[in-house]
């Protein structure tokens, strides 16, 4: 059974940085794409960033130039979301999402709060 575990959320001041991580555990699967979504209170879940197995990345307009999605150099089942120049409007629960050939799964979410 494949599972995703996110980490790295927390409280940060505006202008600060955080790095979220998503670790996939299990066996016998390939990762076609890994994405980060977020859901702010009272809002729908939205796509933040996605990276394909070939390394192609795409971002929501609201985070372009500030966020970077990447695969860990040492562990190809760990993905990161580097978030810089954080704004209060980035406050949300962040979820990673794994898309494989035969399934699609979500992590449990990690809370990011940007506030002074």
C-alpha atoms as a PDB file:
ATOM      1  CA  UNK A   1       0.000   0.000   0.000  1.00  0.00           C
ATOM      2  CA  UNK A   2       1.417   3.366  -1.027  1.00  0.00           C
ATOM      3  CA  UNK A   3       1.227   6.226   1.431  1.00  0.00           C
ATOM      4  CA  UNK A   4       2.250   9.876   1.366  1.00  0.00           C
ATOM      5  CA  UNK A   5       3.512  11.748   4.394  1.00  0.00           C
ATOM      6  CA  UNK A   6       3.979  15.506   4.314  1.00  0.00           C
ATOM      7  CA  UNK A   7       6.172  17.518   6.645  1.00  0.00           C
ATOM      8  CA  UNK A   8       7.611  20.997   7.012  1.00  0.00           C
ATOM      9  CA  UNK A   9       4.581  23.142   7.681  1.00  0.00           C
ATOM     10  CA  UNK A  10       4.426  25.744  10.400  1.00  0.00           C
ATOM     11  CA  UNK A  11       4.156  29.404  11.249  1.00  0.00           C
ATOM     12  CA  UNK A  12       6.295  31.877   9.331  1.00  0.00           C
ATOM     13  CA  UNK A  13       6.361  35.650   9.039  1.00  0.00           C
ATOM     14  CA  UNK A  14       5.525  37.388   5.766  1.00  0.00           C
ATOM     15  CA  UNK A  15       8.551  37.367   3.508  1.00  0.00           C
ATOM     16  CA  UNK A  16       9.903  34.205   5.086  1.00  0.00           C
ATOM     17  CA  UNK A  17      10.540  30.762   3.666  1.00  0.00           C
ATOM     18  CA  UNK A  18       9.478  27.192   4.323  1.00  0.00           C
ATOM     19  CA  UNK A  19      10.257  23.904   2.666  1.00  0.00           C
ATOM     20  CA  UNK A  20       7.588  21.242   2.548  1.00  0.00           C
ATOM     21  CA  UNK A  21       8.458  17.617   1.935  1.00  0.00           C
ATOM     22  CA  UNK A  22       6.351  14.704   0.742  1.00  0.00           C
ATOM     23  CA  UNK A  23       7.622  11.160   1.146  1.00  0.00           C
ATOM     24  CA  UNK A  24       6.027   8.267  -0.691  1.00  0.00           C
ATOM     25  CA  UNK A  25       6.331   4.844   0.916  1.00  0.00           C
ATOM     26  CA  UNK A  26       5.463   1.435  -0.427  1.00  0.00           C
ATOM     27  CA  UNK A  27       6.679  -0.690  -3.279  1.00  0.00           C
ATOM     28  CA  UNK A  28       5.898  -1.613  -6.827  1.00  0.00           C
ATOM     29  CA  UNK A  29       4.820   1.757  -8.065  1.00  0.00           C
ATOM     30  CA  UNK A  30       6.071   4.491 -10.308  1.00  0.00           C
ATOM     31  CA  UNK A  31       5.426   8.197  -9.982  1.00  0.00           C
ATOM     32  CA  UNK A  32       4.070   9.761 -13.131  1.00  0.00           C
ATOM     33  CA  UNK A  33       3.611  13.134 -11.469  1.00  0.00           C
ATOM     34  CA  UNK A  34       3.709  14.687  -8.033  1.00  0.00           C
ATOM     35  CA  UNK A  35       1.739  17.791  -7.211  1.00  0.00           C
ATOM     36  CA  UNK A  36       1.143  20.147  -4.345  1.00  0.00           C
ATOM     37  CA  UNK A  37      -2.306  21.543  -3.710  1.00  0.00           C
ATOM     38  CA  UNK A  38      -3.529  23.887  -1.028  1.00  0.00           C
ATOM     39  CA  UNK A  39      -6.825  24.686   0.584  1.00  0.00           C
ATOM     40  CA  UNK A  40      -7.410  27.882   2.498  1.00  0.00           C
ATOM     41  CA  UNK A  41     -10.320  28.240   4.935  1.00  0.00           C
ATOM     42  CA  UNK A  42     -13.572  28.685   3.071  1.00  0.00           C
ATOM     43  CA  UNK A  43     -11.953  28.129  -0.313  1.00  0.00           C
ATOM     44  CA  UNK A  44     -11.680  25.267  -2.749  1.00  0.00           C
ATOM     45  CA  UNK A  45      -8.543  23.181  -3.045  1.00  0.00           C
ATOM     46  CA  UNK A  46      -6.269  24.556  -5.738  1.00  0.00           C
ATOM     47  CA  UNK A  47      -3.242  23.287  -7.612  1.00  0.00           C
ATOM     48  CA  UNK A  48      -0.042  25.022  -6.553  1.00  0.00           C
ATOM     49  CA  UNK A  49       2.682  23.152  -8.437  1.00  0.00           C
ATOM     50  CA  UNK A  50       3.206  19.921 -10.329  1.00  0.00           C
ATOM     51  CA  UNK A  51       6.251  18.061 -11.590  1.00  0.00           C
ATOM     52  CA  UNK A  52       6.266  15.134 -13.999  1.00  0.00           C
ATOM     53  CA  UNK A  53       8.539  12.113 -14.000  1.00  0.00           C
ATOM     54  CA  UNK A  54      10.479  13.814 -16.749  1.00  0.00           C
ATOM     55  CA  UNK A  55      11.137  16.826 -14.569  1.00  0.00           C
ATOM     56  CA  UNK A  56       8.723  19.235 -16.216  1.00  0.00           C
ATOM     57  CA  UNK A  57       7.279  21.632 -13.642  1.00  0.00           C
ATOM     58  CA  UNK A  58       4.348  23.972 -13.763  1.00  0.00           C
ATOM     59  CA  UNK A  59       3.031  26.476 -11.245  1.00  0.00           C
ATOM     60  CA  UNK A  60      -0.036  28.446 -10.369  1.00  0.00           C
ATOM     61  CA  UNK A  61       0.325  32.062 -11.423  1.00  0.00           C
ATOM     62  CA  UNK A  62       0.034  33.160  -7.797  1.00  0.00           C
ATOM     63  CA  UNK A  63       3.233  31.338  -6.803  1.00  0.00           C
ATOM     64  CA  UNK A  64       5.396  31.596  -9.936  1.00  0.00           C
ATOM     65  CA  UNK A  65       8.825  32.925  -9.102  1.00  0.00           C
ATOM     66  CA  UNK A  66       8.369  32.240  -5.393  1.00  0.00           C
ATOM     67  CA  UNK A  67       7.780  28.487  -5.113  1.00  0.00           C
ATOM     68  CA  UNK A  68       9.868  25.653  -6.522  1.00  0.00           C
ATOM     69  CA  UNK A  69       8.841  22.009  -6.736  1.00  0.00           C
ATOM     70  CA  UNK A  70      11.582  19.410  -6.948  1.00  0.00           C
ATOM     71  CA  UNK A  71      12.462  15.775  -6.468  1.00  0.00           C
ATOM     72  CA  UNK A  72      15.014  14.919  -3.822  1.00  0.00           C
ATOM     73  CA  UNK A  73      18.401  14.203  -5.347  1.00  0.00           C
ATOM     74  CA  UNK A  74      19.093  11.286  -3.032  1.00  0.00           C
ATOM     75  CA  UNK A  75      15.640   9.762  -2.692  1.00  0.00           C
ATOM     76  CA  UNK A  76      13.487   9.670  -5.804  1.00  0.00           C
ATOM     77  CA  UNK A  77      10.330   9.071  -3.770  1.00  0.00           C
ATOM     78  CA  UNK A  78      10.688  12.329  -1.812  1.00  0.00           C
ATOM     79  CA  UNK A  79       9.513  15.616  -3.240  1.00  0.00           C
ATOM     80  CA  UNK A  80       9.902  19.152  -1.938  1.00  0.00           C
ATOM     81  CA  UNK A  81       8.106  22.438  -2.266  1.00  0.00           C
ATOM     82  CA  UNK A  82      10.416  25.343  -1.512  1.00  0.00           C
ATOM     83  CA  UNK A  83       8.342  28.390  -0.662  1.00  0.00           C
ATOM     84  CA  UNK A  84      10.003  31.794  -0.570  1.00  0.00           C
ATOM     85  CA  UNK A  85       8.681  35.319  -0.112  1.00  0.00           C
ATOM     86  CA  UNK A  86       5.634  33.960   1.635  1.00  0.00           C
ATOM     87  CA  UNK A  87       2.525  36.094   1.878  1.00  0.00           C
ATOM     88  CA  UNK A  88      -0.433  35.928   4.260  1.00  0.00           C
ATOM     89  CA  UNK A  89      -2.559  34.721   1.353  1.00  0.00           C
ATOM     90  CA  UNK A  90      -0.363  31.612   1.136  1.00  0.00           C
ATOM     91  CA  UNK A  91      -1.862  30.465   4.431  1.00  0.00           C
ATOM     92  CA  UNK A  92      -3.518  27.094   3.828  1.00  0.00           C
ATOM     93  CA  UNK A  93      -3.321  23.381   4.367  1.00  0.00           C
ATOM     94  CA  UNK A  94      -0.928  22.002   1.769  1.00  0.00           C
ATOM     95  CA  UNK A  95      -1.446  18.530   0.354  1.00  0.00           C
ATOM     96  CA  UNK A  96       0.778  16.463  -1.864  1.00  0.00           C
ATOM     97  CA  UNK A  97      -0.787  14.289  -4.529  1.00  0.00           C
ATOM     98  CA  UNK A  98       0.816  11.348  -6.293  1.00  0.00           C
ATOM     99  CA  UNK A  99      -0.364  10.304  -9.713  1.00  0.00           C
ATOM    100  CA  UNK A 100       0.652   6.828 -10.802  1.00  0.00           C
ATOM    101  CA  UNK A 101      -0.462   4.607 -13.645  1.00  0.00           C
ATOM    102  CA  UNK A 102      -3.188   2.815 -11.690  1.00  0.00           C
ATOM    103  CA  UNK A 103      -3.951   5.097  -8.773  1.00  0.00           C
ATOM    104  CA  UNK A 104      -3.944   8.617  -7.393  1.00  0.00           C
ATOM    105  CA  UNK A 105      -3.429   9.297  -3.698  1.00  0.00           C
ATOM    106  CA  UNK A 106      -3.299  12.226  -1.284  1.00  0.00           C
ATOM    107  CA  UNK A 107      -1.253  12.984   1.759  1.00  0.00           C
ATOM    108  CA  UNK A 108      -2.828  14.044   5.036  1.00  0.00           C
ATOM    109  CA  UNK A 109      -1.920  17.708   4.647  1.00  0.00           C
ATOM    110  CA  UNK A 110       0.341  20.098   6.496  1.00  0.00           C
ATOM    111  CA  UNK A 111      -0.673  23.546   7.733  1.00  0.00           C
ATOM    112  CA  UNK A 112       1.233  26.626   6.617  1.00  0.00           C
ATOM    113  CA  UNK A 113       0.422  29.865   8.405  1.00  0.00           C
ATOM    114  CA  UNK A 114       1.932  33.131   7.224  1.00  0.00           C
ATOM    115  CA  UNK A 115       1.405  35.813   9.822  1.00  0.00           C
ATOM    116  CA  UNK A 116       3.260  38.458  11.768  1.00  0.00           C
END
